Amino acid sequence: MTNPGRVHGEKMMQAHKIGYFLVVFWLAFLAGQPGAAVAGVEKQSPEETVKTVTTEMLTALRSQKEAYKNDPRQLVSLIERIIAPHFDIRVMAREALGLNWRRATPEQQKRFMAAFRKLLVNDYAEEFRNYSNQAVEFQPEHAGSGKDYALVSTHVTSPGEQPVRVDYRLYRVGSDWRIYDVDIDGISLLFNYRDTFSEELQHETLDALIARMEHKNDSFHFSAGK
């Protein structure tokens, strides 16, 4: 009998091969300031919010590609500056852990949020060093928004590859819009993390999972420039 989790994981990896490091930067740094306003972008529409951050990130990558490749810590700083204000770490961590979030103590939740954030920063900054002129095309016919939630659709194009559909899911916080999930060809990055953590927590405690994430973060080193 086919393992649904394995099939899901294989599809996820296939999607990543094409658009991975261009798309997942939305998850690379998850800020813990859900109510903070972003200077100059208040009252933007959902599509404008995604377009503003995408344009700024791609412009920076194209202009300083070698610098970021040779010194990924500069890339981490770039991600923090551009991406941070558009995410809410508590919402993302809660959804990634699912029912296990409710069972966690406040201290465990705090530790998990910090470890999850740092893990993503390190992993995705490393991947982003391999940026090779991917482009984002917005699909206004798929863009939809309601009072408190919205969906913005894009296609990520890579040289010589088929476009990958990427949907950004946002929710409203006051006059701002926050991205809380990204779907790659219909596969939710957030739910993929939930599946992974849920499976791991069948074999270890939450404290053990967090400790393993913390150890990975503490021992992380960027690989030599490629």
C-alpha atoms as a PDB file:
ATOM      1  CA  MET A   1       0.000   0.000   0.000  1.00  0.00           C
ATOM      2  CA  THR A   2       1.338   3.408  -0.981  1.00  0.00           C
ATOM      3  CA  ASN A   3       2.384   5.666   1.886  1.00  0.00           C
ATOM      4  CA  PRO A   4       0.522   8.993   1.414  1.00  0.00           C
ATOM      5  CA  GLY A   5       3.138  10.825   3.442  1.00  0.00           C
ATOM      6  CA  ARG A   6       5.926   9.494   1.229  1.00  0.00           C
ATOM      7  CA  VAL A   7       4.065  10.467  -1.960  1.00  0.00           C
ATOM      8  CA  HIS A   8       3.417  13.901  -0.506  1.00  0.00           C
ATOM      9  CA  GLY A   9       7.091  14.284   0.362  1.00  0.00           C
ATOM     10  CA  GLU A  10       8.231  13.198  -3.106  1.00  0.00           C
ATOM     11  CA  LYS A  11       5.904  15.699  -4.771  1.00  0.00           C
ATOM     12  CA  MET A  12       7.187  18.386  -2.472  1.00  0.00           C
ATOM     13  CA  MET A  13      10.790  17.670  -3.353  1.00  0.00           C
ATOM     14  CA  GLN A  14       9.957  17.649  -7.065  1.00  0.00           C
ATOM     15  CA  ALA A  15       8.411  21.095  -6.767  1.00  0.00           C
ATOM     16  CA  HIS A  16      11.439  22.364  -4.885  1.00  0.00           C
ATOM     17  CA  LYS A  17      13.830  21.285  -7.636  1.00  0.00           C
ATOM     18  CA  ILE A  18      12.532  24.020  -9.925  1.00  0.00           C
ATOM     19  CA  GLY A  19      11.514  26.928  -7.766  1.00  0.00           C
ATOM     20  CA  TYR A  20      12.840  26.047  -4.329  1.00  0.00           C
ATOM     21  CA  PHE A  21      15.174  28.808  -3.295  1.00  0.00           C
ATOM     22  CA  LEU A  22      13.276  31.522  -5.158  1.00  0.00           C
ATOM     23  CA  VAL A  23       9.996  30.754  -3.447  1.00  0.00           C
ATOM     24  CA  VAL A  24      10.759  29.581   0.042  1.00  0.00           C
ATOM     25  CA  PHE A  25      12.457  32.799   1.037  1.00  0.00           C
ATOM     26  CA  TRP A  26       8.961  33.820   2.135  1.00  0.00           C
ATOM     27  CA  LEU A  27       9.463  31.306   4.913  1.00  0.00           C
ATOM     28  CA  ALA A  28      13.090  32.075   5.545  1.00  0.00           C
ATOM     29  CA  PHE A  29      12.567  34.547   8.340  1.00  0.00           C
ATOM     30  CA  LEU A  30       9.402  34.580  10.395  1.00  0.00           C
ATOM     31  CA  ALA A  31       9.066  37.723  12.459  1.00  0.00           C
ATOM     32  CA  GLY A  32       7.451  37.738  15.891  1.00  0.00           C
ATOM     33  CA  GLN A  33       5.795  41.135  15.477  1.00  0.00           C
ATOM     34  CA  PRO A  34       2.286  40.454  14.115  1.00  0.00           C
ATOM     35  CA  GLY A  35       1.050  43.989  14.689  1.00  0.00           C
ATOM     36  CA  ALA A  36       4.015  45.988  13.473  1.00  0.00           C
ATOM     37  CA  ALA A  37       3.456  48.276  10.525  1.00  0.00           C
ATOM     38  CA  VAL A  38       5.862  48.187   7.593  1.00  0.00           C
ATOM     39  CA  ALA A  39       7.103  51.649   6.739  1.00  0.00           C
ATOM     40  CA  GLY A  40       5.879  52.815   3.370  1.00  0.00           C
ATOM     41  CA  VAL A  41       3.656  49.803   2.624  1.00  0.00           C
ATOM     42  CA  GLU A  42       0.695  50.353   4.918  1.00  0.00           C
ATOM     43  CA  LYS A  43      -2.669  49.809   3.284  1.00  0.00           C
ATOM     44  CA  GLN A  44      -1.203  47.866   0.354  1.00  0.00           C
ATOM     45  CA  SER A  45      -3.414  45.282  -1.290  1.00  0.00           C
ATOM     46  CA  PRO A  46      -2.452  41.596  -0.925  1.00  0.00           C
ATOM     47  CA  GLU A  47      -1.004  41.496  -4.447  1.00  0.00           C
ATOM     48  CA  GLU A  48       0.915  44.726  -3.887  1.00  0.00           C
ATOM     49  CA  THR A  49       2.360  43.319  -0.671  1.00  0.00           C
ATOM     50  CA  VAL A  50       3.683  40.197  -2.419  1.00  0.00           C
ATOM     51  CA  LYS A  51       4.872  42.182  -5.436  1.00  0.00           C
ATOM     52  CA  THR A  52       6.740  44.755  -3.335  1.00  0.00           C
ATOM     53  CA  VAL A  53       8.732  42.186  -1.384  1.00  0.00           C
ATOM     54  CA  THR A  54       9.352  39.971  -4.431  1.00  0.00           C
ATOM     55  CA  THR A  55      10.648  42.881  -6.500  1.00  0.00           C
ATOM     56  CA  GLU A  56      12.911  44.179  -3.761  1.00  0.00           C
ATOM     57  CA  MET A  57      14.350  40.727  -3.037  1.00  0.00           C
ATOM     58  CA  LEU A  58      15.024  39.852  -6.674  1.00  0.00           C
ATOM     59  CA  THR A  59      16.573  43.255  -7.383  1.00  0.00           C
ATOM     60  CA  ALA A  60      18.972  42.821  -4.478  1.00  0.00           C
ATOM     61  CA  LEU A  61      19.872  39.268  -5.506  1.00  0.00           C
ATOM     62  CA  ARG A  62      20.577  40.231  -9.096  1.00  0.00           C
ATOM     63  CA  SER A  63      22.705  43.232  -8.200  1.00  0.00           C
ATOM     64  CA  GLN A  64      24.847  41.486  -5.560  1.00  0.00           C
ATOM     65  CA  LYS A  65      24.668  37.836  -6.580  1.00  0.00           C
ATOM     66  CA  GLU A  66      28.367  37.031  -6.103  1.00  0.00           C
ATOM     67  CA  ALA A  67      28.593  38.931  -2.819  1.00  0.00           C
ATOM     68  CA  TYR A  68      25.722  36.945  -1.325  1.00  0.00           C
ATOM     69  CA  LYS A  69      27.112  33.701  -2.702  1.00  0.00           C
ATOM     70  CA  ASN A  70      30.533  34.334  -1.176  1.00  0.00           C
ATOM     71  CA  ASP A  71      29.249  35.704   2.131  1.00  0.00           C
ATOM     72  CA  PRO A  72      25.854  34.161   2.952  1.00  0.00           C
ATOM     73  CA  ARG A  73      25.665  36.094   6.214  1.00  0.00           C
ATOM     74  CA  GLN A  74      24.972  39.159   4.086  1.00  0.00           C
ATOM     75  CA  LEU A  75      22.110  37.182   2.575  1.00  0.00           C
ATOM     76  CA  VAL A  76      20.742  36.424   6.028  1.00  0.00           C
ATOM     77  CA  SER A  77      20.772  40.161   6.781  1.00  0.00           C
ATOM     78  CA  LEU A  78      18.985  40.854   3.498  1.00  0.00           C
ATOM     79  CA  ILE A  79      16.291  38.302   4.315  1.00  0.00           C
ATOM     80  CA  GLU A  80      15.835  39.790   7.768  1.00  0.00           C
ATOM     81  CA  ARG A  81      15.463  43.304   6.367  1.00  0.00           C
ATOM     82  CA  ILE A  82      13.102  42.553   3.494  1.00  0.00           C
ATOM     83  CA  ILE A  83      11.127  39.495   4.570  1.00  0.00           C
ATOM     84  CA  ALA A  84      10.824  39.812   8.333  1.00  0.00           C
ATOM     85  CA  PRO A  85       7.969  42.326   8.628  1.00  0.00           C
ATOM     86  CA  HIS A  86       5.611  40.221   6.515  1.00  0.00           C
ATOM     87  CA  PHE A  87       5.337  37.107   8.688  1.00  0.00           C
ATOM     88  CA  ASP A  88       4.019  36.100  12.087  1.00  0.00           C
ATOM     89  CA  ILE A  89       6.148  33.378  13.655  1.00  0.00           C
ATOM     90  CA  ARG A  90       3.490  32.414  16.185  1.00  0.00           C
ATOM     91  CA  VAL A  91       0.875  31.680  13.519  1.00  0.00           C
ATOM     92  CA  MET A  92       3.345  29.769  11.362  1.00  0.00           C
ATOM     93  CA  ALA A  93       4.733  27.720  14.257  1.00  0.00           C
ATOM     94  CA  ARG A  94       1.255  26.944  15.564  1.00  0.00           C
ATOM     95  CA  GLU A  95       0.102  25.657  12.185  1.00  0.00           C
ATOM     96  CA  ALA A  96       3.319  23.693  11.626  1.00  0.00           C
ATOM     97  CA  LEU A  97       2.913  21.825  14.922  1.00  0.00           C
ATOM     98  CA  GLY A  98      -0.850  21.324  14.607  1.00  0.00           C
ATOM     99  CA  LEU A  99      -2.370  19.609  17.649  1.00  0.00           C
ATOM    100  CA  ASN A 100       1.050  19.357  19.216  1.00  0.00           C
ATOM    101  CA  TRP A 101       1.071  23.143  19.618  1.00  0.00           C
ATOM    102  CA  ARG A 102      -1.910  22.971  21.958  1.00  0.00           C
ATOM    103  CA  ARG A 103      -0.209  20.300  24.043  1.00  0.00           C
ATOM    104  CA  ALA A 104       3.009  22.314  24.340  1.00  0.00           C
ATOM    105  CA  THR A 105       3.750  24.464  27.359  1.00  0.00           C
ATOM    106  CA  PRO A 106       4.360  28.211  26.839  1.00  0.00           C
ATOM    107  CA  GLU A 107       8.094  27.605  27.289  1.00  0.00           C
ATOM    108  CA  GLN A 108       8.076  24.826  24.688  1.00  0.00           C
ATOM    109  CA  GLN A 109       6.185  27.044  22.263  1.00  0.00           C
ATOM    110  CA  LYS A 110       8.734  29.812  22.754  1.00  0.00           C
ATOM    111  CA  ARG A 111      11.682  27.463  22.198  1.00  0.00           C
ATOM    112  CA  PHE A 112      10.080  25.874  19.154  1.00  0.00           C
ATOM    113  CA  MET A 113       9.366  29.251  17.534  1.00  0.00           C
ATOM    114  CA  ALA A 114      12.974  30.355  18.005  1.00  0.00           C
ATOM    115  CA  ALA A 115      14.426  27.067  16.738  1.00  0.00           C
ATOM    116  CA  PHE A 116      12.048  26.886  13.782  1.00  0.00           C
ATOM    117  CA  ARG A 117      12.856  30.445  12.724  1.00  0.00           C
ATOM    118  CA  LYS A 118      16.622  29.970  12.929  1.00  0.00           C
ATOM    119  CA  LEU A 119      16.474  26.631  11.125  1.00  0.00           C
ATOM    120  CA  LEU A 120      14.634  28.207   8.210  1.00  0.00           C
ATOM    121  CA  VAL A 121      16.961  31.190   8.070  1.00  0.00           C
ATOM    122  CA  ASN A 122      20.049  28.982   7.819  1.00  0.00           C
ATOM    123  CA  ASP A 123      18.642  26.422   5.384  1.00  0.00           C
ATOM    124  CA  TYR A 124      17.078  28.890   2.988  1.00  0.00           C
ATOM    125  CA  ALA A 125      19.937  31.372   3.020  1.00  0.00           C
ATOM    126  CA  GLU A 126      22.164  28.469   1.997  1.00  0.00           C
ATOM    127  CA  GLU A 127      19.812  27.497  -0.828  1.00  0.00           C
ATOM    128  CA  PHE A 128      19.366  31.080  -1.952  1.00  0.00           C
ATOM    129  CA  ARG A 129      23.072  31.321  -2.709  1.00  0.00           C
ATOM    130  CA  ASN A 130      22.355  29.275  -5.842  1.00  0.00           C
ATOM    131  CA  TYR A 131      19.958  31.815  -7.332  1.00  0.00           C
ATOM    132  CA  SER A 132      20.176  31.630 -11.145  1.00  0.00           C
ATOM    133  CA  ASN A 133      17.914  34.266 -12.654  1.00  0.00           C
ATOM    134  CA  GLN A 134      14.512  32.792 -11.877  1.00  0.00           C
ATOM    135  CA  ALA A 135      11.665  35.234 -12.430  1.00  0.00           C
ATOM    136  CA  VAL A 136       8.201  35.732 -10.930  1.00  0.00           C
ATOM    137  CA  GLU A 137       5.160  36.377 -13.114  1.00  0.00           C
ATOM    138  CA  PHE A 138       1.970  37.469 -11.362  1.00  0.00           C
ATOM    139  CA  GLN A 139      -1.287  35.877 -12.444  1.00  0.00           C
ATOM    140  CA  PRO A 140      -4.008  38.462 -11.778  1.00  0.00           C
ATOM    141  CA  GLU A 141      -6.753  36.155 -13.010  1.00  0.00           C
ATOM    142  CA  HIS A 142      -6.023  33.931 -10.014  1.00  0.00           C
ATOM    143  CA  ALA A 143      -5.651  36.707  -7.483  1.00  0.00           C
ATOM    144  CA  GLY A 144      -8.509  36.794  -5.023  1.00  0.00           C
ATOM    145  CA  SER A 145      -9.134  38.561  -1.769  1.00  0.00           C
ATOM    146  CA  GLY A 146     -11.808  38.738   0.855  1.00  0.00           C
ATOM    147  CA  LYS A 147     -12.210  40.813   3.955  1.00  0.00           C
ATOM    148  CA  ASP A 148      -9.593  39.062   6.071  1.00  0.00           C
ATOM    149  CA  TYR A 149      -7.938  36.448   3.830  1.00  0.00           C
ATOM    150  CA  ALA A 150      -6.467  36.572   0.341  1.00  0.00           C
ATOM    151  CA  LEU A 151      -4.766  34.443  -2.306  1.00  0.00           C
ATOM    152  CA  VAL A 152      -2.169  35.807  -4.744  1.00  0.00           C
ATOM    153  CA  SER A 153      -1.027  33.499  -7.547  1.00  0.00           C
ATOM    154  CA  THR A 154       2.265  33.645  -9.424  1.00  0.00           C
ATOM    155  CA  HIS A 155       4.321  31.557 -11.805  1.00  0.00           C
ATOM    156  CA  VAL A 156       8.014  31.032 -11.072  1.00  0.00           C
ATOM    157  CA  THR A 157       9.974  30.593 -14.282  1.00  0.00           C
ATOM    158  CA  SER A 158      13.442  29.043 -14.495  1.00  0.00           C
ATOM    159  CA  PRO A 159      15.589  28.875 -17.653  1.00  0.00           C
ATOM    160  CA  GLY A 160      14.759  25.691 -19.545  1.00  0.00           C
ATOM    161  CA  GLU A 161      12.091  24.557 -17.066  1.00  0.00           C
ATOM    162  CA  GLN A 162       8.290  24.529 -16.981  1.00  0.00           C
ATOM    163  CA  PRO A 163       6.750  27.339 -14.893  1.00  0.00           C
ATOM    164  CA  VAL A 164       5.827  26.457 -11.326  1.00  0.00           C
ATOM    165  CA  ARG A 165       2.607  27.859  -9.896  1.00  0.00           C
ATOM    166  CA  VAL A 166       3.137  29.487  -6.522  1.00  0.00           C
ATOM    167  CA  ASP A 167       0.185  30.710  -4.444  1.00  0.00           C
ATOM    168  CA  TYR A 168       0.704  33.055  -1.499  1.00  0.00           C
ATOM    169  CA  ARG A 169      -1.922  32.929   1.235  1.00  0.00           C
ATOM    170  CA  LEU A 170      -2.326  36.067   3.320  1.00  0.00           C
ATOM    171  CA  TYR A 171      -4.407  37.291   6.227  1.00  0.00           C
ATOM    172  CA  ARG A 172      -5.183  40.817   7.373  1.00  0.00           C
ATOM    173  CA  VAL A 173      -3.668  42.339  10.508  1.00  0.00           C
ATOM    174  CA  GLY A 174      -5.118  45.826  10.928  1.00  0.00           C
ATOM    175  CA  SER A 175      -4.310  47.652   7.693  1.00  0.00           C
ATOM    176  CA  ASP A 176      -1.480  45.246   6.760  1.00  0.00           C
ATOM    177  CA  TRP A 177      -1.423  41.853   5.060  1.00  0.00           C
ATOM    178  CA  ARG A 178       0.702  38.978   6.401  1.00  0.00           C
ATOM    179  CA  ILE A 179       1.733  35.908   4.413  1.00  0.00           C
ATOM    180  CA  TYR A 180       1.044  32.736   6.372  1.00  0.00           C
ATOM    181  CA  ASP A 181       1.585  29.990   3.789  1.00  0.00           C
ATOM    182  CA  VAL A 182       2.950  29.295   0.307  1.00  0.00           C
ATOM    183  CA  ASP A 183       1.624  26.589  -2.033  1.00  0.00           C
ATOM    184  CA  ILE A 184       3.932  25.193  -4.724  1.00  0.00           C
ATOM    185  CA  ASP A 185       1.901  23.517  -7.470  1.00  0.00           C
ATOM    186  CA  GLY A 186      -0.864  22.934  -4.935  1.00  0.00           C
ATOM    187  CA  ILE A 187       1.396  21.622  -2.175  1.00  0.00           C
ATOM    188  CA  SER A 188       1.433  23.657   1.032  1.00  0.00           C
ATOM    189  CA  LEU A 189       4.878  24.301   2.503  1.00  0.00           C
ATOM    190  CA  LEU A 190       3.318  24.843   5.910  1.00  0.00           C
ATOM    191  CA  PHE A 191       1.361  21.594   5.854  1.00  0.00           C
ATOM    192  CA  ASN A 192       4.456  19.790   4.628  1.00  0.00           C
ATOM    193  CA  TYR A 193       6.235  20.913   7.787  1.00  0.00           C
ATOM    194  CA  ARG A 194       3.242  19.771   9.820  1.00  0.00           C
ATOM    195  CA  ASP A 195       3.406  16.291   8.277  1.00  0.00           C
ATOM    196  CA  THR A 196       7.130  16.108   8.975  1.00  0.00           C
ATOM    197  CA  PHE A 197       6.882  17.238  12.585  1.00  0.00           C
ATOM    198  CA  SER A 198       3.849  15.038  13.239  1.00  0.00           C
ATOM    199  CA  GLU A 199       5.705  11.946  12.020  1.00  0.00           C
ATOM    200  CA  GLU A 200       8.810  12.792  14.048  1.00  0.00           C
ATOM    201  CA  LEU A 201       6.752  13.367  17.197  1.00  0.00           C
ATOM    202  CA  GLN A 202       5.416   9.830  16.975  1.00  0.00           C
ATOM    203  CA  HIS A 203       8.921   8.661  17.847  1.00  0.00           C
ATOM    204  CA  GLU A 204      10.243  11.398  20.138  1.00  0.00           C
ATOM    205  CA  THR A 205       9.019  14.028  22.582  1.00  0.00           C
ATOM    206  CA  LEU A 206       8.562  17.669  21.689  1.00  0.00           C
ATOM    207  CA  ASP A 207      11.487  18.566  23.937  1.00  0.00           C
ATOM    208  CA  ALA A 208      13.673  16.103  22.032  1.00  0.00           C
ATOM    209  CA  LEU A 209      12.569  17.531  18.681  1.00  0.00           C
ATOM    210  CA  ILE A 210      13.302  21.079  19.790  1.00  0.00           C
ATOM    211  CA  ALA A 211      16.680  20.073  21.210  1.00  0.00           C
ATOM    212  CA  ARG A 212      17.588  18.413  17.913  1.00  0.00           C
ATOM    213  CA  MET A 213      16.584  21.536  15.981  1.00  0.00           C
ATOM    214  CA  GLU A 214      18.621  23.708  18.354  1.00  0.00           C
ATOM    215  CA  HIS A 215      21.640  21.440  17.978  1.00  0.00           C
ATOM    216  CA  LYS A 216      21.378  21.603  14.188  1.00  0.00           C
ATOM    217  CA  ASN A 217      21.212  25.383  14.351  1.00  0.00           C
ATOM    218  CA  ASP A 218      24.182  25.637  16.712  1.00  0.00           C
ATOM    219  CA  SER A 219      26.320  23.352  14.564  1.00  0.00           C
ATOM    220  CA  PHE A 220      25.310  24.885  11.232  1.00  0.00           C
ATOM    221  CA  HIS A 221      28.027  26.081   8.887  1.00  0.00           C
ATOM    222  CA  PHE A 222      27.558  27.470   5.408  1.00  0.00           C
ATOM    223  CA  SER A 223      29.157  25.271   2.788  1.00  0.00           C
ATOM    224  CA  ALA A 224      32.018  26.525   0.661  1.00  0.00           C
ATOM    225  CA  GLY A 225      30.919  28.791  -2.184  1.00  0.00           C
ATOM    226  CA  LYS A 226      29.610  26.813  -5.144  1.00  0.00           C
END
